[in-house]
Amino acid sequence: MLSSVKTRDNEVIKDIGAFCKKFRVDYMNMSMTEFAERRDLKISNVNAFERGSANSIMYLLHYYNEADEELKQFFISNVFEKYNR
């Protein structure tokens, strides 16, 4: 039971990281370097988060705060509402 929960958690983390990368590239039209510089983050940490290797919830705030108001709603619906069960 515990391993299935952990597996599900890892899948969610990877899925959210992949969405954040797509959100940054396709919706904010921003390179990883630009995003990291604007948010004062290390590129390696952003990369790890987007690959699902880092799971700090603080990264979600960086993507959210960098978006305009319309994109913030899109971000919320794709990250939080998708996993609201």
C-alpha atoms as a PDB file:
ATOM      1  CA  MET A   1       0.000   0.000   0.000  1.00  0.00           C
ATOM      2  CA  LEU A   2       2.717   2.489   0.981  1.00  0.00           C
ATOM      3  CA  SER A   3       4.747   1.807  -2.170  1.00  0.00           C
ATOM      4  CA  SER A   4       1.683   2.430  -4.368  1.00  0.00           C
ATOM      5  CA  VAL A   5       1.118   5.799  -2.642  1.00  0.00           C
ATOM      6  CA  LYS A   6       4.764   6.716  -3.096  1.00  0.00           C
ATOM      7  CA  THR A   7       4.613   5.678  -6.756  1.00  0.00           C
ATOM      8  CA  ARG A   8       1.487   7.823  -7.246  1.00  0.00           C
ATOM      9  CA  ASP A   9       3.187  10.757  -5.501  1.00  0.00           C
ATOM     10  CA  ASN A  10       6.223  10.426  -7.785  1.00  0.00           C
ATOM     11  CA  GLU A  11       3.971  10.331 -10.847  1.00  0.00           C
ATOM     12  CA  VAL A  12       2.175  13.499  -9.714  1.00  0.00           C
ATOM     13  CA  ILE A  13       5.497  15.277  -9.048  1.00  0.00           C
ATOM     14  CA  LYS A  14       6.797  14.350 -12.512  1.00  0.00           C
ATOM     15  CA  ASP A  15       3.505  15.350 -14.138  1.00  0.00           C
ATOM     16  CA  ILE A  16       3.471  18.745 -12.408  1.00  0.00           C
ATOM     17  CA  GLY A  17       7.124  19.341 -13.303  1.00  0.00           C
ATOM     18  CA  ALA A  18       6.405  18.531 -16.946  1.00  0.00           C
ATOM     19  CA  PHE A  19       3.389  20.851 -16.929  1.00  0.00           C
ATOM     20  CA  CYS A  20       5.472  23.659 -15.403  1.00  0.00           C
ATOM     21  CA  LYS A  21       8.052  23.264 -18.158  1.00  0.00           C
ATOM     22  CA  LYS A  22       5.340  23.366 -20.829  1.00  0.00           C
ATOM     23  CA  PHE A  23       3.758  26.364 -19.100  1.00  0.00           C
ATOM     24  CA  ARG A  24       7.091  28.222 -19.036  1.00  0.00           C
ATOM     25  CA  VAL A  25       7.989  27.423 -22.654  1.00  0.00           C
ATOM     26  CA  ASP A  26       4.616  27.428 -24.428  1.00  0.00           C
ATOM     27  CA  TYR A  27       2.606  29.964 -22.442  1.00  0.00           C
ATOM     28  CA  MET A  28       5.148  32.329 -20.895  1.00  0.00           C
ATOM     29  CA  ASN A  29       7.523  32.026 -23.887  1.00  0.00           C
ATOM     30  CA  MET A  30      10.484  31.981 -21.541  1.00  0.00           C
ATOM     31  CA  SER A  31      13.738  30.056 -21.614  1.00  0.00           C
ATOM     32  CA  MET A  32      14.874  28.233 -18.516  1.00  0.00           C
ATOM     33  CA  THR A  33      17.783  30.674 -18.196  1.00  0.00           C
ATOM     34  CA  GLU A  34      15.493  33.699 -18.357  1.00  0.00           C
ATOM     35  CA  PHE A  35      13.045  32.177 -15.885  1.00  0.00           C
ATOM     36  CA  ALA A  36      15.806  31.280 -13.437  1.00  0.00           C
ATOM     37  CA  GLU A  37      17.347  34.747 -13.669  1.00  0.00           C
ATOM     38  CA  ARG A  38      14.019  36.562 -13.263  1.00  0.00           C
ATOM     39  CA  ARG A  39      13.095  34.449 -10.223  1.00  0.00           C
ATOM     40  CA  ASP A  40      16.649  34.426  -8.771  1.00  0.00           C
ATOM     41  CA  LEU A  41      16.890  30.629  -8.953  1.00  0.00           C
ATOM     42  CA  LYS A  42      19.631  28.226  -9.956  1.00  0.00           C
ATOM     43  CA  ILE A  43      19.069  26.766 -13.411  1.00  0.00           C
ATOM     44  CA  SER A  44      19.989  23.304 -12.130  1.00  0.00           C
ATOM     45  CA  ASN A  45      17.221  23.501  -9.517  1.00  0.00           C
ATOM     46  CA  VAL A  46      14.627  24.642 -12.065  1.00  0.00           C
ATOM     47  CA  ASN A  47      15.714  21.809 -14.339  1.00  0.00           C
ATOM     48  CA  ALA A  48      15.441  19.272 -11.515  1.00  0.00           C
ATOM     49  CA  PHE A  49      11.946  20.508 -10.641  1.00  0.00           C
ATOM     50  CA  GLU A  50      10.762  20.328 -14.248  1.00  0.00           C
ATOM     51  CA  ARG A  51      12.123  16.768 -14.573  1.00  0.00           C
ATOM     52  CA  GLY A  52      10.343  15.721 -11.382  1.00  0.00           C
ATOM     53  CA  SER A  53      13.564  15.230  -9.402  1.00  0.00           C
ATOM     54  CA  ALA A  54      12.860  18.065  -6.958  1.00  0.00           C
ATOM     55  CA  ASN A  55       9.532  18.514  -5.251  1.00  0.00           C
ATOM     56  CA  SER A  56       9.713  21.792  -3.366  1.00  0.00           C
ATOM     57  CA  ILE A  57       6.274  23.343  -3.410  1.00  0.00           C
ATOM     58  CA  MET A  58       7.937  26.766  -3.486  1.00  0.00           C
ATOM     59  CA  TYR A  59       8.684  26.303  -7.190  1.00  0.00           C
ATOM     60  CA  LEU A  60       4.965  26.363  -7.942  1.00  0.00           C
ATOM     61  CA  LEU A  61       4.847  29.886  -6.562  1.00  0.00           C
ATOM     62  CA  HIS A  62       7.605  30.997  -8.922  1.00  0.00           C
ATOM     63  CA  TYR A  63       5.697  29.819 -11.996  1.00  0.00           C
ATOM     64  CA  TYR A  64       2.447  31.285 -10.684  1.00  0.00           C
ATOM     65  CA  ASN A  65       3.954  34.642  -9.728  1.00  0.00           C
ATOM     66  CA  GLU A  66       5.716  35.020 -13.074  1.00  0.00           C
ATOM     67  CA  ALA A  67       2.438  34.608 -15.010  1.00  0.00           C
ATOM     68  CA  ASP A  68      -0.026  37.336 -15.945  1.00  0.00           C
ATOM     69  CA  GLU A  69      -3.532  37.240 -14.452  1.00  0.00           C
ATOM     70  CA  GLU A  70      -5.073  35.183 -17.254  1.00  0.00           C
ATOM     71  CA  LEU A  71      -2.280  32.623 -17.161  1.00  0.00           C
ATOM     72  CA  LYS A  72      -2.535  32.409 -13.363  1.00  0.00           C
ATOM     73  CA  GLN A  73      -6.070  31.018 -13.714  1.00  0.00           C
ATOM     74  CA  PHE A  74      -4.899  28.538 -16.336  1.00  0.00           C
ATOM     75  CA  PHE A  75      -2.018  27.500 -14.063  1.00  0.00           C
ATOM     76  CA  ILE A  76      -4.315  26.962 -11.072  1.00  0.00           C
ATOM     77  CA  SER A  77      -6.758  24.850 -13.040  1.00  0.00           C
ATOM     78  CA  ASN A  78      -3.990  22.670 -14.470  1.00  0.00           C
ATOM     79  CA  VAL A  79      -2.006  22.164 -11.287  1.00  0.00           C
ATOM     80  CA  PHE A  80      -4.384  22.312  -8.347  1.00  0.00           C
ATOM     81  CA  GLU A  81      -7.827  21.515  -9.689  1.00  0.00           C
ATOM     82  CA  LYS A  82      -6.525  18.541 -11.668  1.00  0.00           C
ATOM     83  CA  TYR A  83      -5.375  16.808  -8.480  1.00  0.00           C
ATOM     84  CA  ASN A  84      -8.230  17.916  -6.219  1.00  0.00           C
ATOM     85  CA  ARG A  85      -9.607  14.505  -5.188  1.00  0.00           C
END
